[in-house]
Amino acid sequence: MGPEAKLYQKIKKTFNRISFVRIENNSLLGTPDLLGYNSSGAFFTLELKVTRGKKIRFSPHQISFHVKHPKNSFILVEALDQRSSKLSQFFLFKGERILELEACGLKLDPCATGLEACGLELGA
């Protein structure tokens, strides 16, 4: 199981008040990993990223998606500790900030920090 698939499993267990659909899409490149539906009845997309450093890599298609769809889109980053894969931090960013996030990486201020806080921001 890849790192983003493992992150998805953590999200499903933690954000139990949000219904997620995994988007497996090879025809529309850049489409986020998840479609979420929260307890307030709002839909949103969620791009999952896992990194071992401060830099976060996006494809040009992913950047394009978030630039075209800036509202109700989010990016959840799991930053793994470089010494231990068991320790990690979680950061949530609004999709409208993808260009800043690509340029600044994890130096950019997130809208939520910590897995539980990220869930609350998404409406869990």
PDB file of N, CA and C in Angstrom:
ATOM      1  N   MET A   1       0.857  -1.179   0.000  1.00  0.00           N
ATOM      2  CA  MET A   1       0.000   0.000   0.000  1.00  0.00           C
ATOM      3  C   MET A   1       0.901   1.239   0.000  1.00  0.00           C
ATOM      4  N   GLY A   2       0.608   2.182  -0.910  1.00  0.00           N
ATOM      5  CA  GLY A   2       1.403   3.403  -1.022  1.00  0.00           C
ATOM      6  C   GLY A   2       1.112   4.377   0.105  1.00  0.00           C
ATOM      7  N   PRO A   3       1.940   5.411   0.238  1.00  0.00           N
ATOM      8  CA  PRO A   3       1.770   6.369   1.343  1.00  0.00           C
ATOM      9  C   PRO A   3       0.441   7.119   1.310  1.00  0.00           C
ATOM     10  N   GLU A   4      -0.040   7.472   0.123  1.00  0.00           N
ATOM     11  CA  GLU A   4      -1.322   8.181   0.062  1.00  0.00           C
ATOM     12  C   GLU A   4      -2.491   7.253   0.369  1.00  0.00           C
ATOM     13  N   ALA A   5      -2.372   5.982   0.029  1.00  0.00           N
ATOM     14  CA  ALA A   5      -3.416   5.006   0.383  1.00  0.00           C
ATOM     15  C   ALA A   5      -3.457   4.823   1.904  1.00  0.00           C
ATOM     16  N   LYS A   6      -2.292   4.826   2.535  1.00  0.00           N
ATOM     17  CA  LYS A   6      -2.247   4.730   4.006  1.00  0.00           C
ATOM     18  C   LYS A   6      -2.859   5.973   4.646  1.00  0.00           C
ATOM     19  N   LEU A   7      -2.587   7.136   4.064  1.00  0.00           N
ATOM     20  CA  LEU A   7      -3.177   8.372   4.574  1.00  0.00           C
ATOM     21  C   LEU A   7      -4.701   8.315   4.445  1.00  0.00           C
ATOM     22  N   TYR A   8      -5.194   7.807   3.337  1.00  0.00           N
ATOM     23  CA  TYR A   8      -6.641   7.664   3.147  1.00  0.00           C
ATOM     24  C   TYR A   8      -7.250   6.790   4.241  1.00  0.00           C
ATOM     25  N   GLN A   9      -6.583   5.713   4.605  1.00  0.00           N
ATOM     26  CA  GLN A   9      -7.093   4.837   5.666  1.00  0.00           C
ATOM     27  C   GLN A   9      -7.175   5.584   7.002  1.00  0.00           C
ATOM     28  N   LYS A  10      -6.182   6.413   7.302  1.00  0.00           N
ATOM     29  CA  LYS A  10      -6.202   7.214   8.538  1.00  0.00           C
ATOM     30  C   LYS A  10      -7.373   8.196   8.514  1.00  0.00           C
ATOM     31  N   ILE A  11      -7.588   8.812   7.353  1.00  0.00           N
ATOM     32  CA  ILE A  11      -8.671   9.790   7.219  1.00  0.00           C
ATOM     33  C   ILE A  11     -10.023   9.119   7.425  1.00  0.00           C
ATOM     34  N   LYS A  12     -10.227   7.965   6.802  1.00  0.00           N
ATOM     35  CA  LYS A  12     -11.516   7.269   6.944  1.00  0.00           C
ATOM     36  C   LYS A  12     -11.816   6.934   8.400  1.00  0.00           C
ATOM     37  N   LYS A  13     -10.793   6.542   9.149  1.00  0.00           N
ATOM     38  CA  LYS A  13     -11.000   6.191  10.560  1.00  0.00           C
ATOM     39  C   LYS A  13     -11.266   7.422  11.415  1.00  0.00           C
ATOM     40  N   THR A  14     -10.602   8.528  11.101  1.00  0.00           N
ATOM     41  CA  THR A  14     -10.682   9.724  11.936  1.00  0.00           C
ATOM     42  C   THR A  14     -11.870  10.609  11.589  1.00  0.00           C
ATOM     43  N   PHE A  15     -12.153  10.792  10.301  1.00  0.00           N
ATOM     44  CA  PHE A  15     -13.224  11.680   9.859  1.00  0.00           C
ATOM     45  C   PHE A  15     -14.493  10.863   9.618  1.00  0.00           C
ATOM     46  N   ASN A  16     -15.034  10.262  10.659  1.00  0.00           N
ATOM     47  CA  ASN A  16     -16.160   9.343  10.486  1.00  0.00           C
ATOM     48  C   ASN A  16     -17.494  10.041  10.205  1.00  0.00           C
ATOM     49  N   ARG A  17     -17.544  11.371  10.288  1.00  0.00           N
ATOM     50  CA  ARG A  17     -18.786  12.087   9.962  1.00  0.00           C
ATOM     51  C   ARG A  17     -18.769  12.643   8.546  1.00  0.00           C
ATOM     52  N   ILE A  18     -17.726  12.300   7.792  1.00  0.00           N
ATOM     53  CA  ILE A  18     -17.630  12.723   6.394  1.00  0.00           C
ATOM     54  C   ILE A  18     -17.679  11.473   5.526  1.00  0.00           C
ATOM     55  N   SER A  19     -18.488  11.529   4.493  1.00  0.00           N
ATOM     56  CA  SER A  19     -18.561  10.431   3.533  1.00  0.00           C
ATOM     57  C   SER A  19     -17.570  10.729   2.408  1.00  0.00           C
ATOM     58  N   PHE A  20     -16.646   9.789   2.174  1.00  0.00           N
ATOM     59  CA  PHE A  20     -15.641   9.972   1.128  1.00  0.00           C
ATOM     60  C   PHE A  20     -15.824   8.970   0.001  1.00  0.00           C
ATOM     61  N   VAL A  21     -15.564   9.444  -1.208  1.00  0.00           N
ATOM     62  CA  VAL A  21     -15.503   8.597  -2.397  1.00  0.00           C
ATOM     63  C   VAL A  21     -14.113   8.785  -2.968  1.00  0.00           C
ATOM     64  N   ARG A  22     -13.392   7.686  -3.120  1.00  0.00           N
ATOM     65  CA  ARG A  22     -12.068   7.759  -3.733  1.00  0.00           C
ATOM     66  C   ARG A  22     -12.220   7.892  -5.229  1.00  0.00           C
ATOM     67  N   ILE A  23     -11.537   8.850  -5.800  1.00  0.00           N
ATOM     68  CA  ILE A  23     -11.623   9.091  -7.232  1.00  0.00           C
ATOM     69  C   ILE A  23     -10.410   8.461  -7.906  1.00  0.00           C
ATOM     70  N   GLU A  24     -10.645   7.378  -8.613  1.00  0.00           N
ATOM     71  CA  GLU A  24      -9.595   6.717  -9.398  1.00  0.00           C
ATOM     72  C   GLU A  24      -9.814   7.133 -10.833  1.00  0.00           C
ATOM     73  N   ASN A  25      -9.018   8.069 -11.324  1.00  0.00           N
ATOM     74  CA  ASN A  25      -9.315   8.647 -12.621  1.00  0.00           C
ATOM     75  C   ASN A  25      -8.042   8.789 -13.447  1.00  0.00           C
ATOM     76  N   ASN A  26      -7.955   8.045 -14.529  1.00  0.00           N
ATOM     77  CA  ASN A  26      -6.811   8.142 -15.424  1.00  0.00           C
ATOM     78  C   ASN A  26      -7.105   9.011 -16.641  1.00  0.00           C
ATOM     79  N   SER A  27      -8.354   9.403 -16.818  1.00  0.00           N
ATOM     80  CA  SER A  27      -8.698  10.184 -18.008  1.00  0.00           C
ATOM     81  C   SER A  27      -8.694  11.686 -17.744  1.00  0.00           C
ATOM     82  N   LEU A  28      -8.992  12.111 -16.543  1.00  0.00           N
ATOM     83  CA  LEU A  28      -8.962  13.530 -16.191  1.00  0.00           C
ATOM     84  C   LEU A  28      -7.823  13.765 -15.205  1.00  0.00           C
ATOM     85  N   LEU A  29      -6.634  13.952 -15.749  1.00  0.00           N
ATOM     86  CA  LEU A  29      -5.442  14.122 -14.915  1.00  0.00           C
ATOM     87  C   LEU A  29      -5.591  15.350 -14.023  1.00  0.00           C
ATOM     88  N   GLY A  30      -5.100  15.246 -12.810  1.00  0.00           N
ATOM     89  CA  GLY A  30      -5.146  16.355 -11.866  1.00  0.00           C
ATOM     90  C   GLY A  30      -6.349  16.351 -10.959  1.00  0.00           C
ATOM     91  N   THR A  31      -7.323  15.477 -11.228  1.00  0.00           N
ATOM     92  CA  THR A  31      -8.501  15.397 -10.364  1.00  0.00           C
ATOM     93  C   THR A  31      -8.067  14.966  -8.963  1.00  0.00           C
ATOM     94  N   PRO A  32      -8.540  15.649  -7.900  1.00  0.00           N
ATOM     95  CA  PRO A  32      -8.141  15.280  -6.540  1.00  0.00           C
ATOM     96  C   PRO A  32      -8.490  13.836  -6.190  1.00  0.00           C
ATOM     97  N   ASP A  33      -7.869  13.354  -5.134  1.00  0.00           N
ATOM     98  CA  ASP A  33      -7.985  11.956  -4.727  1.00  0.00           C
ATOM     99  C   ASP A  33      -9.352  11.594  -4.153  1.00  0.00           C
ATOM    100  N   LEU A  34      -9.990  12.550  -3.464  1.00  0.00           N
ATOM    101  CA  LEU A  34     -11.231  12.241  -2.757  1.00  0.00           C
ATOM    102  C   LEU A  34     -12.315  13.272  -3.020  1.00  0.00           C
ATOM    103  N   LEU A  35     -13.545  12.787  -3.066  1.00  0.00           N
ATOM    104  CA  LEU A  35     -14.726  13.641  -3.048  1.00  0.00           C
ATOM    105  C   LEU A  35     -15.361  13.436  -1.685  1.00  0.00           C
ATOM    106  N   GLY A  36     -15.542  14.513  -0.946  1.00  0.00           N
ATOM    107  CA  GLY A  36     -16.111  14.421   0.394  1.00  0.00           C
ATOM    108  C   GLY A  36     -17.472  15.065   0.475  1.00  0.00           C
ATOM    109  N   TYR A  37     -18.291  14.552   1.387  1.00  0.00           N
ATOM    110  CA  TYR A  37     -19.612  15.101   1.666  1.00  0.00           C
ATOM    111  C   TYR A  37     -19.725  15.187   3.180  1.00  0.00           C
ATOM    112  N   ASN A  38     -19.780  16.413   3.713  1.00  0.00           N
ATOM    113  CA  ASN A  38     -19.749  16.558   5.170  1.00  0.00           C
ATOM    114  C   ASN A  38     -21.144  16.593   5.788  1.00  0.00           C
ATOM    115  N   SER A  39     -21.185  16.670   7.110  1.00  0.00           N
ATOM    116  CA  SER A  39     -22.457  16.605   7.834  1.00  0.00           C
ATOM    117  C   SER A  39     -23.337  17.833   7.593  1.00  0.00           C
ATOM    118  N   SER A  40     -22.787  18.903   7.040  1.00  0.00           N
ATOM    119  CA  SER A  40     -23.575  20.093   6.693  1.00  0.00           C
ATOM    120  C   SER A  40     -24.170  20.004   5.293  1.00  0.00           C
ATOM    121  N   GLY A  41     -23.870  18.912   4.588  1.00  0.00           N
ATOM    122  CA  GLY A  41     -24.404  18.727   3.247  1.00  0.00           C
ATOM    123  C   GLY A  41     -23.578  19.384   2.158  1.00  0.00           C
ATOM    124  N   ALA A  42     -22.334  19.700   2.445  1.00  0.00           N
ATOM    125  CA  ALA A  42     -21.472  20.344   1.455  1.00  0.00           C
ATOM    126  C   ALA A  42     -20.512  19.329   0.837  1.00  0.00           C
ATOM    127  N   PHE A  43     -20.336  19.427  -0.470  1.00  0.00           N
ATOM    128  CA  PHE A  43     -19.352  18.622  -1.178  1.00  0.00           C
ATOM    129  C   PHE A  43     -18.040  19.385  -1.258  1.00  0.00           C
ATOM    130  N   PHE A  44     -16.928  18.666  -1.252  1.00  0.00           N
ATOM    131  CA  PHE A  44     -15.607  19.259  -1.426  1.00  0.00           C
ATOM    132  C   PHE A  44     -14.663  18.200  -1.972  1.00  0.00           C
ATOM    133  N   THR A  45     -13.553  18.660  -2.547  1.00  0.00           N
ATOM    134  CA  THR A  45     -12.525  17.726  -3.012  1.00  0.00           C
ATOM    135  C   THR A  45     -11.323  17.824  -2.082  1.00  0.00           C
ATOM    136  N   LEU A  46     -10.598  16.718  -2.009  1.00  0.00           N
ATOM    137  CA  LEU A  46      -9.434  16.650  -1.128  1.00  0.00           C
ATOM    138  C   LEU A  46      -8.291  15.953  -1.848  1.00  0.00           C
ATOM    139  N   GLU A  47      -7.207  16.675  -2.027  1.00  0.00           N
ATOM    140  CA  GLU A  47      -5.979  16.125  -2.600  1.00  0.00           C
ATOM    141  C   GLU A  47      -5.110  15.653  -1.442  1.00  0.00           C
ATOM    142  N   LEU A  48      -4.585  14.444  -1.529  1.00  0.00           N
ATOM    143  CA  LEU A  48      -3.732  13.887  -0.481  1.00  0.00           C
ATOM    144  C   LEU A  48      -2.275  13.947  -0.918  1.00  0.00           C
ATOM    145  N   LYS A  49      -1.422  14.404  -0.011  1.00  0.00           N
ATOM    146  CA  LYS A  49       0.015  14.452  -0.275  1.00  0.00           C
ATOM    147  C   LYS A  49       0.756  13.958   0.953  1.00  0.00           C
ATOM    148  N   VAL A  50       1.824  13.212   0.715  1.00  0.00           N
ATOM    149  CA  VAL A  50       2.697  12.747   1.791  1.00  0.00           C
ATOM    150  C   VAL A  50       4.105  13.190   1.438  1.00  0.00           C
ATOM    151  N   THR A  51       4.803  13.780   2.409  1.00  0.00           N
ATOM    152  CA  THR A  51       6.152  14.272   2.161  1.00  0.00           C
ATOM    153  C   THR A  51       7.063  13.959   3.345  1.00  0.00           C
ATOM    154  N   ARG A  52       8.349  13.867   3.052  1.00  0.00           N
ATOM    155  CA  ARG A  52       9.352  13.699   4.110  1.00  0.00           C
ATOM    156  C   ARG A  52      10.132  14.982   4.352  1.00  0.00           C
ATOM    157  N   GLY A  53       9.876  15.992   3.548  1.00  0.00           N
ATOM    158  CA  GLY A  53      10.560  17.277   3.696  1.00  0.00           C
ATOM    159  C   GLY A  53       9.551  18.406   3.736  1.00  0.00           C
ATOM    160  N   LYS A  54      10.043  19.602   3.487  1.00  0.00           N
ATOM    161  CA  LYS A  54       9.181  20.795   3.496  1.00  0.00           C
ATOM    162  C   LYS A  54       8.535  21.047   2.143  1.00  0.00           C
ATOM    163  N   LYS A  55       9.102  20.479   1.074  1.00  0.00           N
ATOM    164  CA  LYS A  55       8.623  20.692  -0.294  1.00  0.00           C
ATOM    165  C   LYS A  55       7.458  19.748  -0.585  1.00  0.00           C
ATOM    166  N   ILE A  56       6.477  20.264  -1.314  1.00  0.00           N
ATOM    167  CA  ILE A  56       5.339  19.445  -1.731  1.00  0.00           C
ATOM    168  C   ILE A  56       5.290  19.506  -3.250  1.00  0.00           C
ATOM    169  N   ARG A  57       5.251  18.346  -3.879  1.00  0.00           N
ATOM    170  CA  ARG A  57       5.281  18.286  -5.340  1.00  0.00           C
ATOM    171  C   ARG A  57       3.870  18.109  -5.900  1.00  0.00           C
ATOM    172  N   PHE A  58       3.573  18.925  -6.904  1.00  0.00           N
ATOM    173  CA  PHE A  58       2.300  18.849  -7.608  1.00  0.00           C
ATOM    174  C   PHE A  58       2.574  18.721  -9.098  1.00  0.00           C
ATOM    175  N   SER A  59       1.720  17.991  -9.783  1.00  0.00           N
ATOM    176  CA  SER A  59       1.813  17.940 -11.240  1.00  0.00           C
ATOM    177  C   SER A  59       1.183  19.224 -11.795  1.00  0.00           C
ATOM    178  N   PRO A  60       1.536  19.587 -13.013  1.00  0.00           N
ATOM    179  CA  PRO A  60       0.874  20.752 -13.630  1.00  0.00           C
ATOM    180  C   PRO A  60      -0.648  20.578 -13.707  1.00  0.00           C
ATOM    181  N   HIS A  61      -1.110  19.332 -13.875  1.00  0.00           N
ATOM    182  CA  HIS A  61      -2.554  19.077 -13.930  1.00  0.00           C
ATOM    183  C   HIS A  61      -3.218  19.335 -12.579  1.00  0.00           C
ATOM    184  N   GLN A  62      -2.546  18.951 -11.499  1.00  0.00           N
ATOM    185  CA  GLN A  62      -3.097  19.199 -10.169  1.00  0.00           C
ATOM    186  C   GLN A  62      -3.183  20.696  -9.890  1.00  0.00           C
ATOM    187  N   ILE A  63      -2.148  21.425 -10.269  1.00  0.00           N
ATOM    188  CA  ILE A  63      -2.158  22.876 -10.087  1.00  0.00           C
ATOM    189  C   ILE A  63      -3.302  23.486 -10.889  1.00  0.00           C
ATOM    190  N   SER A  64      -3.430  23.066 -12.116  1.00  0.00           N
ATOM    191  CA  SER A  64      -4.490  23.581 -12.985  1.00  0.00           C
ATOM    192  C   SER A  64      -5.872  23.329 -12.386  1.00  0.00           C
ATOM    193  N   PHE A  65      -6.094  22.128 -11.850  1.00  0.00           N
ATOM    194  CA  PHE A  65      -7.396  21.812 -11.263  1.00  0.00           C
ATOM    195  C   PHE A  65      -7.731  22.798 -10.148  1.00  0.00           C
ATOM    196  N   HIS A  66      -6.797  23.010  -9.238  1.00  0.00           N
ATOM    197  CA  HIS A  66      -7.076  23.871  -8.084  1.00  0.00           C
ATOM    198  C   HIS A  66      -7.183  25.343  -8.471  1.00  0.00           C
ATOM    199  N   VAL A  67      -6.470  25.754  -9.495  1.00  0.00           N
ATOM    200  CA  VAL A  67      -6.601  27.131  -9.985  1.00  0.00           C
ATOM    201  C   VAL A  67      -7.991  27.325 -10.602  1.00  0.00           C
ATOM    202  N   LYS A  68      -8.456  26.327 -11.352  1.00  0.00           N
ATOM    203  CA  LYS A  68      -9.780  26.418 -11.983  1.00  0.00           C
ATOM    204  C   LYS A  68     -10.923  26.228 -10.997  1.00  0.00           C
ATOM    205  N   HIS A  69     -10.679  25.477  -9.914  1.00  0.00           N
ATOM    206  CA  HIS A  69     -11.718  25.154  -8.929  1.00  0.00           C
ATOM    207  C   HIS A  69     -11.227  25.549  -7.526  1.00  0.00           C
ATOM    208  N   PRO A  70     -11.125  26.844  -7.247  1.00  0.00           N
ATOM    209  CA  PRO A  70     -10.527  27.275  -5.981  1.00  0.00           C
ATOM    210  C   PRO A  70     -11.416  27.110  -4.754  1.00  0.00           C
ATOM    211  N   LYS A  71     -12.708  27.011  -4.938  1.00  0.00           N
ATOM    212  CA  LYS A  71     -13.629  26.914  -3.791  1.00  0.00           C
ATOM    213  C   LYS A  71     -13.957  25.457  -3.492  1.00  0.00           C
ATOM    214  N   ASN A  72     -14.111  25.158  -2.210  1.00  0.00           N
ATOM    215  CA  ASN A  72     -14.437  23.805  -1.742  1.00  0.00           C
ATOM    216  C   ASN A  72     -13.429  22.760  -2.217  1.00  0.00           C
ATOM    217  N   SER A  73     -12.179  23.158  -2.357  1.00  0.00           N
ATOM    218  CA  SER A  73     -11.118  22.194  -2.654  1.00  0.00           C
ATOM    219  C   SER A  73     -10.025  22.378  -1.605  1.00  0.00           C
ATOM    220  N   PHE A  74      -9.465  21.263  -1.177  1.00  0.00           N
ATOM    221  CA  PHE A  74      -8.484  21.273  -0.099  1.00  0.00           C
ATOM    222  C   PHE A  74      -7.333  20.332  -0.433  1.00  0.00           C
ATOM    223  N   ILE A  75      -6.213  20.574   0.247  1.00  0.00           N
ATOM    224  CA  ILE A  75      -5.037  19.722   0.122  1.00  0.00           C
ATOM    225  C   ILE A  75      -4.633  19.331   1.537  1.00  0.00           C
ATOM    226  N   LEU A  76      -4.594  18.034   1.806  1.00  0.00           N
ATOM    227  CA  LEU A  76      -4.181  17.522   3.107  1.00  0.00           C
ATOM    228  C   LEU A  76      -2.790  16.918   2.956  1.00  0.00           C
ATOM    229  N   VAL A  77      -1.847  17.434   3.741  1.00  0.00           N
ATOM    230  CA  VAL A  77      -0.462  16.990   3.661  1.00  0.00           C
ATOM    231  C   VAL A  77      -0.091  16.268   4.950  1.00  0.00           C
ATOM    232  N   GLU A  78       0.453  15.083   4.785  1.00  0.00           N
ATOM    233  CA  GLU A  78       1.039  14.368   5.921  1.00  0.00           C
ATOM    234  C   GLU A  78       2.550  14.509   5.799  1.00  0.00           C
ATOM    235  N   ALA A  79       3.167  15.149   6.783  1.00  0.00           N
ATOM    236  CA  ALA A  79       4.617  15.330   6.801  1.00  0.00           C
ATOM    237  C   ALA A  79       5.203  14.273   7.735  1.00  0.00           C
ATOM    238  N   LEU A  80       5.869  13.302   7.134  1.00  0.00           N
ATOM    239  CA  LEU A  80       6.464  12.221   7.918  1.00  0.00           C
ATOM    240  C   LEU A  80       7.749  12.690   8.578  1.00  0.00           C
ATOM    241  N   ASP A  81       7.975  12.247   9.793  1.00  0.00           N
ATOM    242  CA  ASP A  81       9.234  12.518  10.471  1.00  0.00           C
ATOM    243  C   ASP A  81      10.330  11.783   9.715  1.00  0.00           C
ATOM    244  N   GLN A  82      11.430  12.444   9.435  1.00  0.00           N
ATOM    245  CA  GLN A  82      12.499  11.825   8.642  1.00  0.00           C
ATOM    246  C   GLN A  82      13.172  10.669   9.369  1.00  0.00           C
ATOM    247  N   ARG A  83      13.070  10.621  10.693  1.00  0.00           N
ATOM    248  CA  ARG A  83      13.696   9.546  11.454  1.00  0.00           C
ATOM    249  C   ARG A  83      12.761   8.380  11.738  1.00  0.00           C
ATOM    250  N   SER A  84      11.459   8.647  11.758  1.00  0.00           N
ATOM    251  CA  SER A  84      10.506   7.597  12.104  1.00  0.00           C
ATOM    252  C   SER A  84       9.236   7.762  11.268  1.00  0.00           C
ATOM    253  N   SER A  85       8.870   6.723  10.530  1.00  0.00           N
ATOM    254  CA  SER A  85       7.656   6.805   9.710  1.00  0.00           C
ATOM    255  C   SER A  85       6.396   6.733  10.571  1.00  0.00           C
ATOM    256  N   LYS A  86       6.529   6.463  11.860  1.00  0.00           N
ATOM    257  CA  LYS A  86       5.366   6.380  12.736  1.00  0.00           C
ATOM    258  C   LYS A  86       4.926   7.760  13.223  1.00  0.00           C
ATOM    259  N   LEU A  87       5.854   8.726  13.241  1.00  0.00           N
ATOM    260  CA  LEU A  87       5.524  10.075  13.694  1.00  0.00           C
ATOM    261  C   LEU A  87       5.257  10.948  12.481  1.00  0.00           C
ATOM    262  N   SER A  88       4.154  11.656  12.516  1.00  0.00           N
ATOM    263  CA  SER A  88       3.857  12.545  11.400  1.00  0.00           C
ATOM    264  C   SER A  88       3.007  13.707  11.884  1.00  0.00           C
ATOM    265  N   GLN A  89       2.991  14.755  11.049  1.00  0.00           N
ATOM    266  CA  GLN A  89       2.166  15.923  11.299  1.00  0.00           C
ATOM    267  C   GLN A  89       1.225  16.071  10.109  1.00  0.00           C
ATOM    268  N   PHE A  90       0.087  16.716  10.353  1.00  0.00           N
ATOM    269  CA  PHE A  90      -0.925  16.878   9.316  1.00  0.00           C
ATOM    270  C   PHE A  90      -1.255  18.356   9.159  1.00  0.00           C
ATOM    271  N   PHE A  91      -1.353  18.778   7.888  1.00  0.00           N
ATOM    272  CA  PHE A  91      -1.621  20.168   7.561  1.00  0.00           C
ATOM    273  C   PHE A  91      -2.691  20.225   6.476  1.00  0.00           C
ATOM    274  N   LEU A  92      -3.649  21.129   6.646  1.00  0.00           N
ATOM    275  CA  LEU A  92      -4.704  21.307   5.657  1.00  0.00           C
ATOM    276  C   LEU A  92      -4.577  22.694   5.036  1.00  0.00           C
ATOM    277  N   PHE A  93      -4.641  22.730   3.705  1.00  0.00           N
ATOM    278  CA  PHE A  93      -4.561  23.980   2.954  1.00  0.00           C
ATOM    279  C   PHE A  93      -5.765  24.082   2.034  1.00  0.00           C
ATOM    280  N   LYS A  94      -6.231  25.298   1.816  1.00  0.00           N
ATOM    281  CA  LYS A  94      -7.306  25.516   0.845  1.00  0.00           C
ATOM    282  C   LYS A  94      -6.719  25.409  -0.552  1.00  0.00           C
ATOM    283  N   GLY A  95      -7.478  24.817  -1.463  1.00  0.00           N
ATOM    284  CA  GLY A  95      -7.013  24.621  -2.828  1.00  0.00           C
ATOM    285  C   GLY A  95      -6.652  25.912  -3.537  1.00  0.00           C
ATOM    286  N   GLU A  96      -7.300  27.003  -3.156  1.00  0.00           N
ATOM    287  CA  GLU A  96      -7.023  28.294  -3.793  1.00  0.00           C
ATOM    288  C   GLU A  96      -5.600  28.784  -3.530  1.00  0.00           C
ATOM    289  N   ARG A  97      -4.900  28.145  -2.597  1.00  0.00           N
ATOM    290  CA  ARG A  97      -3.530  28.556  -2.248  1.00  0.00           C
ATOM    291  C   ARG A  97      -2.467  27.632  -2.845  1.00  0.00           C
ATOM    292  N   ILE A  98      -2.842  26.832  -3.851  1.00  0.00           N
ATOM    293  CA  ILE A  98      -1.917  25.837  -4.382  1.00  0.00           C
ATOM    294  C   ILE A  98      -0.634  26.446  -4.954  1.00  0.00           C
ATOM    295  N   LEU A  99      -0.719  27.594  -5.592  1.00  0.00           N
ATOM    296  CA  LEU A  99       0.489  28.209  -6.148  1.00  0.00           C
ATOM    297  C   LEU A  99       1.445  28.638  -5.040  1.00  0.00           C
ATOM    298  N   GLU A 100       0.902  29.182  -3.956  1.00  0.00           N
ATOM    299  CA  GLU A 100       1.730  29.539  -2.799  1.00  0.00           C
ATOM    300  C   GLU A 100       2.308  28.286  -2.146  1.00  0.00           C
ATOM    301  N   LEU A 101       1.491  27.253  -2.054  1.00  0.00           N
ATOM    302  CA  LEU A 101       1.928  26.004  -1.435  1.00  0.00           C
ATOM    303  C   LEU A 101       3.046  25.360  -2.236  1.00  0.00           C
ATOM    304  N   GLU A 102       2.934  25.404  -3.552  1.00  0.00           N
ATOM    305  CA  GLU A 102       3.998  24.859  -4.391  1.00  0.00           C
ATOM    306  C   GLU A 102       5.295  25.652  -4.205  1.00  0.00           C
ATOM    307  N   ALA A 103       5.183  26.970  -4.101  1.00  0.00           N
ATOM    308  CA  ALA A 103       6.361  27.824  -3.968  1.00  0.00           C
ATOM    309  C   ALA A 103       6.991  27.752  -2.572  1.00  0.00           C
ATOM    310  N   CYS A 104       6.162  27.742  -1.539  1.00  0.00           N
ATOM    311  CA  CYS A 104       6.658  27.833  -0.153  1.00  0.00           C
ATOM    312  C   CYS A 104       6.720  26.501   0.579  1.00  0.00           C
ATOM    313  N   GLY A 105       5.986  25.517   0.117  1.00  0.00           N
ATOM    314  CA  GLY A 105       5.931  24.240   0.825  1.00  0.00           C
ATOM    315  C   GLY A 105       5.311  24.416   2.199  1.00  0.00           C
ATOM    316  N   LEU A 106       5.812  23.661   3.151  1.00  0.00           N
ATOM    317  CA  LEU A 106       5.226  23.671   4.493  1.00  0.00           C
ATOM    318  C   LEU A 106       5.579  24.916   5.307  1.00  0.00           C
ATOM    319  N   LYS A 107       6.271  25.884   4.694  1.00  0.00           N
ATOM    320  CA  LYS A 107       6.495  27.176   5.350  1.00  0.00           C
ATOM    321  C   LYS A 107       5.211  28.012   5.318  1.00  0.00           C
ATOM    322  N   LEU A 108       4.302  27.670   4.406  1.00  0.00           N
ATOM    323  CA  LEU A 108       3.024  28.368   4.279  1.00  0.00           C
ATOM    324  C   LEU A 108       2.129  28.014   5.470  1.00  0.00           C
ATOM    325  N   ASP A 109       1.419  29.005   5.992  1.00  0.00           N
ATOM    326  CA  ASP A 109       0.508  28.752   7.114  1.00  0.00           C
ATOM    327  C   ASP A 109      -0.708  27.964   6.643  1.00  0.00           C
ATOM    328  N   PRO A 110      -0.987  26.815   7.281  1.00  0.00           N
ATOM    329  CA  PRO A 110      -2.168  26.021   6.913  1.00  0.00           C
ATOM    330  C   PRO A 110      -3.436  26.600   7.534  1.00  0.00           C
ATOM    331  N   CYS A 111      -4.585  26.161   7.039  1.00  0.00           N
ATOM    332  CA  CYS A 111      -5.846  26.568   7.673  1.00  0.00           C
ATOM    333  C   CYS A 111      -6.150  25.677   8.878  1.00  0.00           C
ATOM    334  N   ALA A 112      -5.485  24.519   8.978  1.00  0.00           N
ATOM    335  CA  ALA A 112      -5.626  23.644  10.146  1.00  0.00           C
ATOM    336  C   ALA A 112      -4.375  22.784  10.272  1.00  0.00           C
ATOM    337  N   THR A 113      -4.025  22.474  11.522  1.00  0.00           N
ATOM    338  CA  THR A 113      -2.870  21.628  11.830  1.00  0.00           C
ATOM    339  C   THR A 113      -3.323  20.521  12.775  1.00  0.00           C
ATOM    340  N   GLY A 114      -2.905  19.302  12.494  1.00  0.00           N
ATOM    341  CA  GLY A 114      -3.316  18.152  13.294  1.00  0.00           C
ATOM    342  C   GLY A 114      -4.500  17.474  12.620  1.00  0.00           C
ATOM    343  N   LEU A 115      -4.535  16.163  12.682  1.00  0.00           N
ATOM    344  CA  LEU A 115      -5.559  15.416  11.957  1.00  0.00           C
ATOM    345  C   LEU A 115      -6.972  15.748  12.432  1.00  0.00           C
ATOM    346  N   GLU A 116      -7.177  15.860  13.732  1.00  0.00           N
ATOM    347  CA  GLU A 116      -8.513  16.165  14.245  1.00  0.00           C
ATOM    348  C   GLU A 116      -8.952  17.571  13.840  1.00  0.00           C
ATOM    349  N   ALA A 117      -8.037  18.543  13.924  1.00  0.00           N
ATOM    350  CA  ALA A 117      -8.360  19.917  13.530  1.00  0.00           C
ATOM    351  C   ALA A 117      -8.676  20.006  12.037  1.00  0.00           C
ATOM    352  N   CYS A 118      -7.962  19.230  11.246  1.00  0.00           N
ATOM    353  CA  CYS A 118      -8.231  19.206   9.804  1.00  0.00           C
ATOM    354  C   CYS A 118      -9.647  18.688   9.550  1.00  0.00           C
ATOM    355  N   GLY A 119     -10.036  17.649  10.283  1.00  0.00           N
ATOM    356  CA  GLY A 119     -11.382  17.094  10.149  1.00  0.00           C
ATOM    357  C   GLY A 119     -12.452  18.109  10.520  1.00  0.00           C
ATOM    358  N   LEU A 120     -12.203  18.873  11.580  1.00  0.00           N
ATOM    359  CA  LEU A 120     -13.162  19.902  11.988  1.00  0.00           C
ATOM    360  C   LEU A 120     -13.294  20.993  10.916  1.00  0.00           C
ATOM    361  N   GLU A 121     -12.177  21.361  10.308  1.00  0.00           N
ATOM    362  CA  GLU A 121     -12.201  22.381   9.244  1.00  0.00           C
ATOM    363  C   GLU A 121     -13.008  21.887   8.037  1.00  0.00           C
ATOM    364  N   LEU A 122     -12.937  20.598   7.759  1.00  0.00           N
ATOM    365  CA  LEU A 122     -13.669  20.022   6.624  1.00  0.00           C
ATOM    366  C   LEU A 122     -15.142  19.774   6.951  1.00  0.00           C
ATOM    367  N   GLY A 123     -15.501  19.917   8.214  1.00  0.00           N
ATOM    368  CA  GLY A 123     -16.904  19.759   8.592  1.00  0.00           C
ATOM    369  C   GLY A 123     -17.235  18.424   9.189  1.00  0.00           C
ATOM    370  N   ALA A 124     -16.240  17.758   9.751  1.00  0.00           N
ATOM    371  CA  ALA A 124     -16.482  16.438  10.371  1.00  0.00           C
ATOM    372  C   ALA A 124     -17.219  16.593  11.677  1.00  0.00           C
TER     373      ALA A 124
END
